[in-house]
Amino acid sequence: MKNNVIPPMTHELSRHWKQPPTSEILIDDEYAVMERTTFERLSEYSATNPTGAYEGKMWRRHDGAFDQRFLAAGGKPVWMLCWYGESEKPDHVSNNYRKIILADEVAA
């Protein structure tokens, strides 16, 4: 499996899911780098995961934003890129995530 590659969405339901092209996102083992405009085109699921789990589906999550103990202890939520990827189990997907870095904020 390729942990740093978001597979193409080929499932028939994927035509209903809107997301930016994967070519606008650079991914390594820890981070996903993208422009703010790409970030804003990702659907947000900070308290749940989207239904319709199929390879290539991406979303953003404000990780920790709904964890009251984490916040009370001074924790700061972080934006994550999440996606469903390949799985070794037939008819399953993997859950993948990376911390998001906004390229236009780093350059500023």
PDB file of N, CA and C in Angstrom:
ATOM      1  N   MET A   1       0.832  -1.192   0.000  1.00  0.00           N
ATOM      2  CA  MET A   1       0.000   0.000   0.000  1.00  0.00           C
ATOM      3  C   MET A   1       0.873   1.250   0.000  1.00  0.00           C
ATOM      4  N   LYS A   2       0.349   2.285  -0.584  1.00  0.00           N
ATOM      5  CA  LYS A   2       1.077   3.539  -0.688  1.00  0.00           C
ATOM      6  C   LYS A   2       0.473   4.535   0.303  1.00  0.00           C
ATOM      7  N   ASN A   3       1.130   4.725   1.452  1.00  0.00           N
ATOM      8  CA  ASN A   3       0.577   5.572   2.518  1.00  0.00           C
ATOM      9  C   ASN A   3       0.577   7.051   2.188  1.00  0.00           C
ATOM     10  N   ASN A   4       1.376   7.475   1.240  1.00  0.00           N
ATOM     11  CA  ASN A   4       1.454   8.898   0.911  1.00  0.00           C
ATOM     12  C   ASN A   4       0.793   9.226  -0.413  1.00  0.00           C
ATOM     13  N   VAL A   5      -0.060   8.344  -0.878  1.00  0.00           N
ATOM     14  CA  VAL A   5      -0.760   8.563  -2.135  1.00  0.00           C
ATOM     15  C   VAL A   5      -2.257   8.419  -1.883  1.00  0.00           C
ATOM     16  N   ILE A   6      -3.005   9.436  -2.281  1.00  0.00           N
ATOM     17  CA  ILE A   6      -4.459   9.355  -2.190  1.00  0.00           C
ATOM     18  C   ILE A   6      -4.935   8.728  -3.495  1.00  0.00           C
ATOM     19  N   PRO A   7      -5.587   7.570  -3.401  1.00  0.00           N
ATOM     20  CA  PRO A   7      -6.012   6.910  -4.636  1.00  0.00           C
ATOM     21  C   PRO A   7      -7.111   7.689  -5.341  1.00  0.00           C
ATOM     22  N   PRO A   8      -7.275   7.478  -6.629  1.00  0.00           N
ATOM     23  CA  PRO A   8      -8.367   8.148  -7.351  1.00  0.00           C
ATOM     24  C   PRO A   8      -9.713   7.603  -6.879  1.00  0.00           C
ATOM     25  N   MET A   9     -10.728   8.452  -6.915  1.00  0.00           N
ATOM     26  CA  MET A   9     -12.080   8.013  -6.581  1.00  0.00           C
ATOM     27  C   MET A   9     -12.689   7.376  -7.829  1.00  0.00           C
ATOM     28  N   THR A  10     -12.952   6.087  -7.743  1.00  0.00           N
ATOM     29  CA  THR A  10     -13.535   5.380  -8.880  1.00  0.00           C
ATOM     30  C   THR A  10     -14.896   4.789  -8.548  1.00  0.00           C
ATOM     31  N   HIS A  11     -15.281   4.824  -7.295  1.00  0.00           N
ATOM     32  CA  HIS A  11     -16.577   4.272  -6.878  1.00  0.00           C
ATOM     33  C   HIS A  11     -17.702   5.067  -7.538  1.00  0.00           C
ATOM     34  N   GLU A  12     -18.782   4.402  -7.880  1.00  0.00           N
ATOM     35  CA  GLU A  12     -19.897   5.071  -8.568  1.00  0.00           C
ATOM     36  C   GLU A  12     -20.486   6.225  -7.761  1.00  0.00           C
ATOM     37  N   LEU A  13     -20.450   6.157  -6.442  1.00  0.00           N
ATOM     38  CA  LEU A  13     -20.984   7.245  -5.617  1.00  0.00           C
ATOM     39  C   LEU A  13     -20.071   8.471  -5.575  1.00  0.00           C
ATOM     40  N   SER A  14     -18.829   8.301  -6.013  1.00  0.00           N
ATOM     41  CA  SER A  14     -17.879   9.414  -5.926  1.00  0.00           C
ATOM     42  C   SER A  14     -18.273  10.595  -6.802  1.00  0.00           C
ATOM     43  N   ARG A  15     -19.107  10.376  -7.775  1.00  0.00           N
ATOM     44  CA  ARG A  15     -19.512  11.494  -8.642  1.00  0.00           C
ATOM     45  C   ARG A  15     -20.330  12.534  -7.876  1.00  0.00           C
ATOM     46  N   HIS A  16     -20.851  12.165  -6.697  1.00  0.00           N
ATOM     47  CA  HIS A  16     -21.641  13.081  -5.888  1.00  0.00           C
ATOM     48  C   HIS A  16     -20.786  13.824  -4.855  1.00  0.00           C
ATOM     49  N   TRP A  17     -19.545  13.428  -4.696  1.00  0.00           N
ATOM     50  CA  TRP A  17     -18.671  14.003  -3.672  1.00  0.00           C
ATOM     51  C   TRP A  17     -17.758  15.040  -4.306  1.00  0.00           C
ATOM     52  N   LYS A  18     -17.774  16.250  -3.792  1.00  0.00           N
ATOM     53  CA  LYS A  18     -16.938  17.328  -4.332  1.00  0.00           C
ATOM     54  C   LYS A  18     -15.691  17.491  -3.463  1.00  0.00           C
ATOM     55  N   GLN A  19     -14.548  17.526  -4.112  1.00  0.00           N
ATOM     56  CA  GLN A  19     -13.278  17.743  -3.429  1.00  0.00           C
ATOM     57  C   GLN A  19     -12.268  18.270  -4.432  1.00  0.00           C
ATOM     58  N   PRO A  20     -11.204  18.928  -3.934  1.00  0.00           N
ATOM     59  CA  PRO A  20     -10.171  19.432  -4.855  1.00  0.00           C
ATOM     60  C   PRO A  20      -9.359  18.270  -5.434  1.00  0.00           C
ATOM     61  N   PRO A  21      -8.695  18.499  -6.542  1.00  0.00           N
ATOM     62  CA  PRO A  21      -7.842  17.450  -7.115  1.00  0.00           C
ATOM     63  C   PRO A  21      -6.668  17.130  -6.192  1.00  0.00           C
ATOM     64  N   THR A  22      -6.295  15.872  -6.142  1.00  0.00           N
ATOM     65  CA  THR A  22      -5.162  15.468  -5.298  1.00  0.00           C
ATOM     66  C   THR A  22      -3.859  16.101  -5.766  1.00  0.00           C
ATOM     67  N   SER A  23      -3.798  16.539  -7.009  1.00  0.00           N
ATOM     68  CA  SER A  23      -2.582  17.171  -7.532  1.00  0.00           C
ATOM     69  C   SER A  23      -2.287  18.499  -6.837  1.00  0.00           C
ATOM     70  N   GLU A  24      -3.255  19.053  -6.120  1.00  0.00           N
ATOM     71  CA  GLU A  24      -3.062  20.317  -5.395  1.00  0.00           C
ATOM     72  C   GLU A  24      -2.532  20.101  -3.980  1.00  0.00           C
ATOM     73  N   ILE A  25      -2.242  18.858  -3.606  1.00  0.00           N
ATOM     74  CA  ILE A  25      -1.823  18.537  -2.243  1.00  0.00           C
ATOM     75  C   ILE A  25      -0.522  17.744  -2.279  1.00  0.00           C
ATOM     76  N   LEU A  26       0.466  18.204  -1.526  1.00  0.00           N
ATOM     77  CA  LEU A  26       1.725  17.468  -1.373  1.00  0.00           C
ATOM     78  C   LEU A  26       1.672  16.726  -0.045  1.00  0.00           C
ATOM     79  N   ILE A  27       1.986  15.428  -0.057  1.00  0.00           N
ATOM     80  CA  ILE A  27       1.865  14.608   1.145  1.00  0.00           C
ATOM     81  C   ILE A  27       3.175  13.892   1.425  1.00  0.00           C
ATOM     82  N   ASP A  28       3.569  13.877   2.716  1.00  0.00           N
ATOM     83  CA  ASP A  28       4.669  13.014   3.138  1.00  0.00           C
ATOM     84  C   ASP A  28       4.160  12.179   4.319  1.00  0.00           C
ATOM     85  N   ASP A  29       5.053  11.610   5.105  1.00  0.00           N
ATOM     86  CA  ASP A  29       4.645  10.730   6.199  1.00  0.00           C
ATOM     87  C   ASP A  29       3.958  11.464   7.347  1.00  0.00           C
ATOM     88  N   GLU A  30       4.063  12.785   7.397  1.00  0.00           N
ATOM     89  CA  GLU A  30       3.530  13.533   8.534  1.00  0.00           C
ATOM     90  C   GLU A  30       2.594  14.679   8.144  1.00  0.00           C
ATOM     91  N   TYR A  31       2.833  15.289   6.989  1.00  0.00           N
ATOM     92  CA  TYR A  31       2.116  16.514   6.636  1.00  0.00           C
ATOM     93  C   TYR A  31       1.464  16.445   5.253  1.00  0.00           C
ATOM     94  N   ALA A  32       0.450  17.298   5.114  1.00  0.00           N
ATOM     95  CA  ALA A  32      -0.176  17.552   3.816  1.00  0.00           C
ATOM     96  C   ALA A  32      -0.086  19.059   3.599  1.00  0.00           C
ATOM     97  N   VAL A  33       0.563  19.471   2.536  1.00  0.00           N
ATOM     98  CA  VAL A  33       0.758  20.888   2.242  1.00  0.00           C
ATOM     99  C   VAL A  33      -0.180  21.276   1.105  1.00  0.00           C
ATOM    100  N   MET A  34      -0.900  22.386   1.325  1.00  0.00           N
ATOM    101  CA  MET A  34      -1.857  22.851   0.317  1.00  0.00           C
ATOM    102  C   MET A  34      -2.075  24.343   0.472  1.00  0.00           C
ATOM    103  N   GLU A  35      -2.636  24.957  -0.552  1.00  0.00           N
ATOM    104  CA  GLU A  35      -3.029  26.363  -0.503  1.00  0.00           C
ATOM    105  C   GLU A  35      -4.356  26.480   0.252  1.00  0.00           C
ATOM    106  N   ARG A  36      -4.641  27.662   0.765  1.00  0.00           N
ATOM    107  CA  ARG A  36      -5.892  27.889   1.490  1.00  0.00           C
ATOM    108  C   ARG A  36      -7.113  27.597   0.607  1.00  0.00           C
ATOM    109  N   THR A  37      -7.043  27.944  -0.669  1.00  0.00           N
ATOM    110  CA  THR A  37      -8.185  27.704  -1.558  1.00  0.00           C
ATOM    111  C   THR A  37      -8.485  26.200  -1.677  1.00  0.00           C
ATOM    112  N   THR A  38      -7.446  25.372  -1.655  1.00  0.00           N
ATOM    113  CA  THR A  38      -7.632  23.920  -1.676  1.00  0.00           C
ATOM    114  C   THR A  38      -8.257  23.467  -0.365  1.00  0.00           C
ATOM    115  N   PHE A  39      -7.725  23.953   0.743  1.00  0.00           N
ATOM    116  CA  PHE A  39      -8.238  23.642   2.081  1.00  0.00           C
ATOM    117  C   PHE A  39      -9.732  23.965   2.185  1.00  0.00           C
ATOM    118  N   GLU A  40     -10.124  25.107   1.675  1.00  0.00           N
ATOM    119  CA  GLU A  40     -11.515  25.543   1.784  1.00  0.00           C
ATOM    120  C   GLU A  40     -12.466  24.707   0.930  1.00  0.00           C
ATOM    121  N   ARG A  41     -11.944  24.018  -0.074  1.00  0.00           N
ATOM    122  CA  ARG A  41     -12.792  23.163  -0.913  1.00  0.00           C
ATOM    123  C   ARG A  41     -12.971  21.761  -0.338  1.00  0.00           C
ATOM    124  N   LEU A  42     -12.287  21.463   0.763  1.00  0.00           N
ATOM    125  CA  LEU A  42     -12.474  20.179   1.436  1.00  0.00           C
ATOM    126  C   LEU A  42     -13.683  20.266   2.360  1.00  0.00           C
ATOM    127  N   SER A  43     -14.542  19.278   2.341  1.00  0.00           N
ATOM    128  CA  SER A  43     -15.659  19.232   3.283  1.00  0.00           C
ATOM    129  C   SER A  43     -15.104  19.042   4.686  1.00  0.00           C
ATOM    130  N   GLU A  44     -15.785  19.630   5.677  1.00  0.00           N
ATOM    131  CA  GLU A  44     -15.332  19.494   7.060  1.00  0.00           C
ATOM    132  C   GLU A  44     -16.165  18.462   7.806  1.00  0.00           C
ATOM    133  N   TYR A  45     -15.458  17.526   8.424  1.00  0.00           N
ATOM    134  CA  TYR A  45     -16.052  16.529   9.307  1.00  0.00           C
ATOM    135  C   TYR A  45     -15.173  16.467  10.548  1.00  0.00           C
ATOM    136  N   SER A  46     -15.421  17.365  11.500  1.00  0.00           N
ATOM    137  CA  SER A  46     -14.587  17.437  12.688  1.00  0.00           C
ATOM    138  C   SER A  46     -15.099  16.566  13.828  1.00  0.00           C
ATOM    139  N   ALA A  47     -16.365  16.212  13.827  1.00  0.00           N
ATOM    140  CA  ALA A  47     -16.930  15.409  14.908  1.00  0.00           C
ATOM    141  C   ALA A  47     -17.305  14.002  14.457  1.00  0.00           C
ATOM    142  N   THR A  48     -17.311  13.753  13.156  1.00  0.00           N
ATOM    143  CA  THR A  48     -17.686  12.446  12.610  1.00  0.00           C
ATOM    144  C   THR A  48     -16.821  12.149  11.390  1.00  0.00           C
ATOM    145  N   ASN A  49     -17.056  11.006  10.781  1.00  0.00           N
ATOM    146  CA  ASN A  49     -16.474  10.685   9.483  1.00  0.00           C
ATOM    147  C   ASN A  49     -17.590  10.714   8.455  1.00  0.00           C
ATOM    148  N   PRO A  50     -17.287  11.077   7.220  1.00  0.00           N
ATOM    149  CA  PRO A  50     -18.340  11.070   6.200  1.00  0.00           C
ATOM    150  C   PRO A  50     -18.808   9.643   5.906  1.00  0.00           C
ATOM    151  N   THR A  51     -20.072   9.526   5.553  1.00  0.00           N
ATOM    152  CA  THR A  51     -20.590   8.221   5.145  1.00  0.00           C
ATOM    153  C   THR A  51     -20.161   7.960   3.712  1.00  0.00           C
ATOM    154  N   GLY A  52     -20.425   6.766   3.244  1.00  0.00           N
ATOM    155  CA  GLY A  52     -20.009   6.434   1.878  1.00  0.00           C
ATOM    156  C   GLY A  52     -18.510   6.286   1.817  1.00  0.00           C
ATOM    157  N   ALA A  53     -17.968   5.297   2.524  1.00  0.00           N
ATOM    158  CA  ALA A  53     -16.523   5.097   2.585  1.00  0.00           C
ATOM    159  C   ALA A  53     -16.028   4.397   1.328  1.00  0.00           C
ATOM    160  N   TYR A  54     -15.265   5.144   0.522  1.00  0.00           N
ATOM    161  CA  TYR A  54     -14.651   4.567  -0.674  1.00  0.00           C
ATOM    162  C   TYR A  54     -13.304   5.236  -0.899  1.00  0.00           C
ATOM    163  N   GLU A  55     -12.412   4.495  -1.540  1.00  0.00           N
ATOM    164  CA  GLU A  55     -11.038   4.959  -1.748  1.00  0.00           C
ATOM    165  C   GLU A  55     -10.999   6.317  -2.434  1.00  0.00           C
ATOM    166  N   GLY A  56     -10.135   7.176  -1.923  1.00  0.00           N
ATOM    167  CA  GLY A  56      -9.902   8.476  -2.532  1.00  0.00           C
ATOM    168  C   GLY A  56     -10.722   9.613  -1.953  1.00  0.00           C
ATOM    169  N   LYS A  57     -11.718   9.317  -1.145  1.00  0.00           N
ATOM    170  CA  LYS A  57     -12.565  10.360  -0.563  1.00  0.00           C
ATOM    171  C   LYS A  57     -11.768  11.111   0.512  1.00  0.00           C
ATOM    172  N   MET A  58     -11.703  12.452   0.379  1.00  0.00           N
ATOM    173  CA  MET A  58     -10.932  13.300   1.293  1.00  0.00           C
ATOM    174  C   MET A  58     -11.857  14.269   2.020  1.00  0.00           C
ATOM    175  N   TRP A  59     -11.422  14.693   3.214  1.00  0.00           N
ATOM    176  CA  TRP A  59     -12.110  15.728   3.977  1.00  0.00           C
ATOM    177  C   TRP A  59     -11.120  16.331   4.966  1.00  0.00           C
ATOM    178  N   ARG A  60     -11.521  17.397   5.629  1.00  0.00           N
ATOM    179  CA  ARG A  60     -10.674  18.005   6.655  1.00  0.00           C
ATOM    180  C   ARG A  60     -11.342  17.837   8.009  1.00  0.00           C
ATOM    181  N   ARG A  61     -10.519  17.744   9.023  1.00  0.00           N
ATOM    182  CA  ARG A  61     -10.985  17.529  10.393  1.00  0.00           C
ATOM    183  C   ARG A  61     -10.221  18.469  11.313  1.00  0.00           C
ATOM    184  N   HIS A  62     -10.944  19.204  12.148  1.00  0.00           N
ATOM    185  CA  HIS A  62     -10.305  20.041  13.163  1.00  0.00           C
ATOM    186  C   HIS A  62     -10.132  19.152  14.389  1.00  0.00           C
ATOM    187  N   ASP A  63      -9.048  18.399  14.386  1.00  0.00           N
ATOM    188  CA  ASP A  63      -8.812  17.356  15.378  1.00  0.00           C
ATOM    189  C   ASP A  63      -8.635  17.958  16.773  1.00  0.00           C
ATOM    190  N   GLY A  64      -9.452  17.501  17.699  1.00  0.00           N
ATOM    191  CA  GLY A  64      -9.406  17.992  19.076  1.00  0.00           C
ATOM    192  C   GLY A  64     -10.419  19.078  19.374  1.00  0.00           C
ATOM    193  N   ALA A  65     -11.074  19.609  18.376  1.00  0.00           N
ATOM    194  CA  ALA A  65     -11.993  20.735  18.559  1.00  0.00           C
ATOM    195  C   ALA A  65     -13.209  20.374  19.412  1.00  0.00           C
ATOM    196  N   PHE A  66     -13.562  19.093  19.465  1.00  0.00           N
ATOM    197  CA  PHE A  66     -14.733  18.675  20.230  1.00  0.00           C
ATOM    198  C   PHE A  66     -14.361  17.811  21.430  1.00  0.00           C
ATOM    199  N   ASP A  67     -13.091  17.782  21.795  1.00  0.00           N
ATOM    200  CA  ASP A  67     -12.611  17.004  22.936  1.00  0.00           C
ATOM    201  C   ASP A  67     -12.468  17.942  24.137  1.00  0.00           C
ATOM    202  N   GLN A  68     -13.468  17.962  24.988  1.00  0.00           N
ATOM    203  CA  GLN A  68     -13.508  18.922  26.101  1.00  0.00           C
ATOM    204  C   GLN A  68     -12.338  18.746  27.073  1.00  0.00           C
ATOM    205  N   ARG A  69     -11.935  17.517  27.373  1.00  0.00           N
ATOM    206  CA  ARG A  69     -10.788  17.312  28.278  1.00  0.00           C
ATOM    207  C   ARG A  69      -9.501  17.826  27.655  1.00  0.00           C
ATOM    208  N   PHE A  70      -9.340  17.591  26.370  1.00  0.00           N
ATOM    209  CA  PHE A  70      -8.166  18.067  25.644  1.00  0.00           C
ATOM    210  C   PHE A  70      -8.105  19.593  25.674  1.00  0.00           C
ATOM    211  N   LEU A  71      -9.224  20.235  25.399  1.00  0.00           N
ATOM    212  CA  LEU A  71      -9.285  21.700  25.387  1.00  0.00           C
ATOM    213  C   LEU A  71      -9.087  22.277  26.783  1.00  0.00           C
ATOM    214  N   ALA A  72      -9.701  21.646  27.795  1.00  0.00           N
ATOM    215  CA  ALA A  72      -9.566  22.118  29.175  1.00  0.00           C
ATOM    216  C   ALA A  72      -8.126  22.029  29.658  1.00  0.00           C
ATOM    217  N   ALA A  73      -7.373  21.091  29.131  1.00  0.00           N
ATOM    218  CA  ALA A  73      -5.967  20.930  29.506  1.00  0.00           C
ATOM    219  C   ALA A  73      -5.056  21.855  28.707  1.00  0.00           C
ATOM    220  N   GLY A  74      -5.644  22.747  27.902  1.00  0.00           N
ATOM    221  CA  GLY A  74      -4.848  23.698  27.128  1.00  0.00           C
ATOM    222  C   GLY A  74      -4.470  23.209  25.739  1.00  0.00           C
ATOM    223  N   GLY A  75      -5.040  22.088  25.318  1.00  0.00           N
ATOM    224  CA  GLY A  75      -4.735  21.562  23.992  1.00  0.00           C
ATOM    225  C   GLY A  75      -5.265  22.473  22.900  1.00  0.00           C
ATOM    226  N   LYS A  76      -4.565  22.519  21.788  1.00  0.00           N
ATOM    227  CA  LYS A  76      -4.989  23.321  20.642  1.00  0.00           C
ATOM    228  C   LYS A  76      -5.327  22.401  19.483  1.00  0.00           C
ATOM    229  N   PRO A  77      -6.555  22.506  18.976  1.00  0.00           N
ATOM    230  CA  PRO A  77      -6.930  21.673  17.832  1.00  0.00           C
ATOM    231  C   PRO A  77      -6.019  21.929  16.631  1.00  0.00           C
ATOM    232  N   VAL A  78      -5.855  20.905  15.831  1.00  0.00           N
ATOM    233  CA  VAL A  78      -5.023  21.010  14.637  1.00  0.00           C
ATOM    234  C   VAL A  78      -5.835  20.494  13.444  1.00  0.00           C
ATOM    235  N   TRP A  79      -5.675  21.149  12.286  1.00  0.00           N
ATOM    236  CA  TRP A  79      -6.365  20.719  11.073  1.00  0.00           C
ATOM    237  C   TRP A  79      -5.654  19.511  10.487  1.00  0.00           C
ATOM    238  N   MET A  80      -6.446  18.511  10.123  1.00  0.00           N
ATOM    239  CA  MET A  80      -5.924  17.288   9.530  1.00  0.00           C
ATOM    240  C   MET A  80      -6.597  17.055   8.178  1.00  0.00           C
ATOM    241  N   LEU A  81      -5.818  16.572   7.217  1.00  0.00           N
ATOM    242  CA  LEU A  81      -6.376  16.054   5.975  1.00  0.00           C
ATOM    243  C   LEU A  81      -6.634  14.578   6.233  1.00  0.00           C
ATOM    244  N   CYS A  82      -7.841  14.122   5.966  1.00  0.00           N
ATOM    245  CA  CYS A  82      -8.206  12.714   6.138  1.00  0.00           C
ATOM    246  C   CYS A  82      -8.656  12.165   4.795  1.00  0.00           C
ATOM    247  N   TRP A  83      -8.421  10.884   4.586  1.00  0.00           N
ATOM    248  CA  TRP A  83      -8.915  10.242   3.366  1.00  0.00           C
ATOM    249  C   TRP A  83      -9.037   8.744   3.587  1.00  0.00           C
ATOM    250  N   TYR A  84      -9.940   8.158   2.802  1.00  0.00           N
ATOM    251  CA  TYR A  84     -10.081   6.711   2.759  1.00  0.00           C
ATOM    252  C   TYR A  84      -9.135   6.186   1.701  1.00  0.00           C
ATOM    253  N   GLY A  85      -8.330   5.209   2.095  1.00  0.00           N
ATOM    254  CA  GLY A  85      -7.356   4.648   1.168  1.00  0.00           C
ATOM    255  C   GLY A  85      -7.526   3.152   0.991  1.00  0.00           C
ATOM    256  N   GLU A  86      -6.536   2.561   0.383  1.00  0.00           N
ATOM    257  CA  GLU A  86      -6.525   1.126   0.125  1.00  0.00           C
ATOM    258  C   GLU A  86      -6.459   0.349   1.438  1.00  0.00           C
ATOM    259  N   SER A  87      -7.015  -0.866   1.441  1.00  0.00           N
ATOM    260  CA  SER A  87      -6.953  -1.750   2.592  1.00  0.00           C
ATOM    261  C   SER A  87      -6.553  -3.143   2.121  1.00  0.00           C
ATOM    262  N   GLU A  88      -5.886  -3.869   2.994  1.00  0.00           N
ATOM    263  CA  GLU A  88      -5.537  -5.248   2.674  1.00  0.00           C
ATOM    264  C   GLU A  88      -6.761  -6.158   2.778  1.00  0.00           C
ATOM    265  N   LYS A  89      -7.792  -5.710   3.501  1.00  0.00           N
ATOM    266  CA  LYS A  89      -9.026  -6.491   3.648  1.00  0.00           C
ATOM    267  C   LYS A  89      -9.955  -6.184   2.470  1.00  0.00           C
ATOM    268  N   PRO A  90     -10.469  -7.196   1.821  1.00  0.00           N
ATOM    269  CA  PRO A  90     -11.421  -6.960   0.723  1.00  0.00           C
ATOM    270  C   PRO A  90     -12.653  -6.205   1.221  1.00  0.00           C
ATOM    271  N   ASP A  91     -13.157  -5.319   0.410  1.00  0.00           N
ATOM    272  CA  ASP A  91     -14.363  -4.534   0.709  1.00  0.00           C
ATOM    273  C   ASP A  91     -14.209  -3.639   1.940  1.00  0.00           C
ATOM    274  N   HIS A  92     -12.983  -3.240   2.259  1.00  0.00           N
ATOM    275  CA  HIS A  92     -12.700  -2.310   3.351  1.00  0.00           C
ATOM    276  C   HIS A  92     -11.839  -1.169   2.818  1.00  0.00           C
ATOM    277  N   VAL A  93     -11.776  -0.097   3.574  1.00  0.00           N
ATOM    278  CA  VAL A  93     -10.870   1.010   3.272  1.00  0.00           C
ATOM    279  C   VAL A  93     -10.041   1.304   4.515  1.00  0.00           C
ATOM    280  N   SER A  94      -8.917   1.951   4.330  1.00  0.00           N
ATOM    281  CA  SER A  94      -8.103   2.402   5.458  1.00  0.00           C
ATOM    282  C   SER A  94      -8.442   3.854   5.747  1.00  0.00           C
ATOM    283  N   ASN A  95      -8.231   4.277   6.980  1.00  0.00           N
ATOM    284  CA  ASN A  95      -8.388   5.680   7.375  1.00  0.00           C
ATOM    285  C   ASN A  95      -6.999   6.282   7.474  1.00  0.00           C
ATOM    286  N   ASN A  96      -6.764   7.355   6.736  1.00  0.00           N
ATOM    287  CA  ASN A  96      -5.450   7.987   6.678  1.00  0.00           C
ATOM    288  C   ASN A  96      -5.585   9.454   7.045  1.00  0.00           C
ATOM    289  N   TYR A  97      -4.536  10.020   7.608  1.00  0.00           N
ATOM    290  CA  TYR A  97      -4.586  11.427   7.985  1.00  0.00           C
ATOM    291  C   TYR A  97      -3.182  12.011   8.064  1.00  0.00           C
ATOM    292  N   ARG A  98      -3.104  13.315   7.816  1.00  0.00           N
ATOM    293  CA  ARG A  98      -1.861  14.079   7.925  1.00  0.00           C
ATOM    294  C   ARG A  98      -2.194  15.470   8.453  1.00  0.00           C
ATOM    295  N   LYS A  99      -1.278  16.070   9.196  1.00  0.00           N
ATOM    296  CA  LYS A  99      -1.440  17.460   9.641  1.00  0.00           C
ATOM    297  C   LYS A  99      -1.362  18.367   8.426  1.00  0.00           C
ATOM    298  N   ILE A 100      -2.241  19.349   8.396  1.00  0.00           N
ATOM    299  CA  ILE A 100      -2.278  20.271   7.258  1.00  0.00           C
ATOM    300  C   ILE A 100      -1.376  21.466   7.508  1.00  0.00           C
ATOM    301  N   ILE A 101      -0.591  21.798   6.504  1.00  0.00           N
ATOM    302  CA  ILE A 101       0.189  23.032   6.474  1.00  0.00           C
ATOM    303  C   ILE A 101      -0.319  23.835   5.289  1.00  0.00           C
ATOM    304  N   LEU A 102      -0.705  25.065   5.543  1.00  0.00           N
ATOM    305  CA  LEU A 102      -1.160  25.948   4.462  1.00  0.00           C
ATOM    306  C   LEU A 102       0.056  26.654   3.886  1.00  0.00           C
ATOM    307  N   ALA A 103       0.345  26.376   2.636  1.00  0.00           N
ATOM    308  CA  ALA A 103       1.563  26.878   1.987  1.00  0.00           C
ATOM    309  C   ALA A 103       1.595  28.399   1.933  1.00  0.00           C
ATOM    310  N   ASP A 104       0.455  29.028   1.694  1.00  0.00           N
ATOM    311  CA  ASP A 104       0.446  30.479   1.588  1.00  0.00           C
ATOM    312  C   ASP A 104       0.672  31.151   2.941  1.00  0.00           C
ATOM    313  N   GLU A 105       0.413  30.469   4.053  1.00  0.00           N
ATOM    314  CA  GLU A 105       0.687  31.046   5.379  1.00  0.00           C
ATOM    315  C   GLU A 105       2.147  30.877   5.752  1.00  0.00           C
ATOM    316  N   VAL A 106       2.790  29.801   5.282  1.00  0.00           N
ATOM    317  CA  VAL A 106       4.209  29.582   5.555  1.00  0.00           C
ATOM    318  C   VAL A 106       5.040  30.613   4.800  1.00  0.00           C
ATOM    319  N   ALA A 107       4.637  30.909   3.588  1.00  0.00           N
ATOM    320  CA  ALA A 107       5.384  31.855   2.740  1.00  0.00           C
ATOM    321  C   ALA A 107       5.255  33.296   3.236  1.00  0.00           C
ATOM    322  N   ALA A 108       4.206  33.593   4.002  1.00  0.00           N
ATOM    323  CA  ALA A 108       3.971  34.971   4.454  1.00  0.00           C
ATOM    324  C   ALA A 108       4.925  35.399   5.535  1.00  0.00           C
TER     325      ALA A 108
END
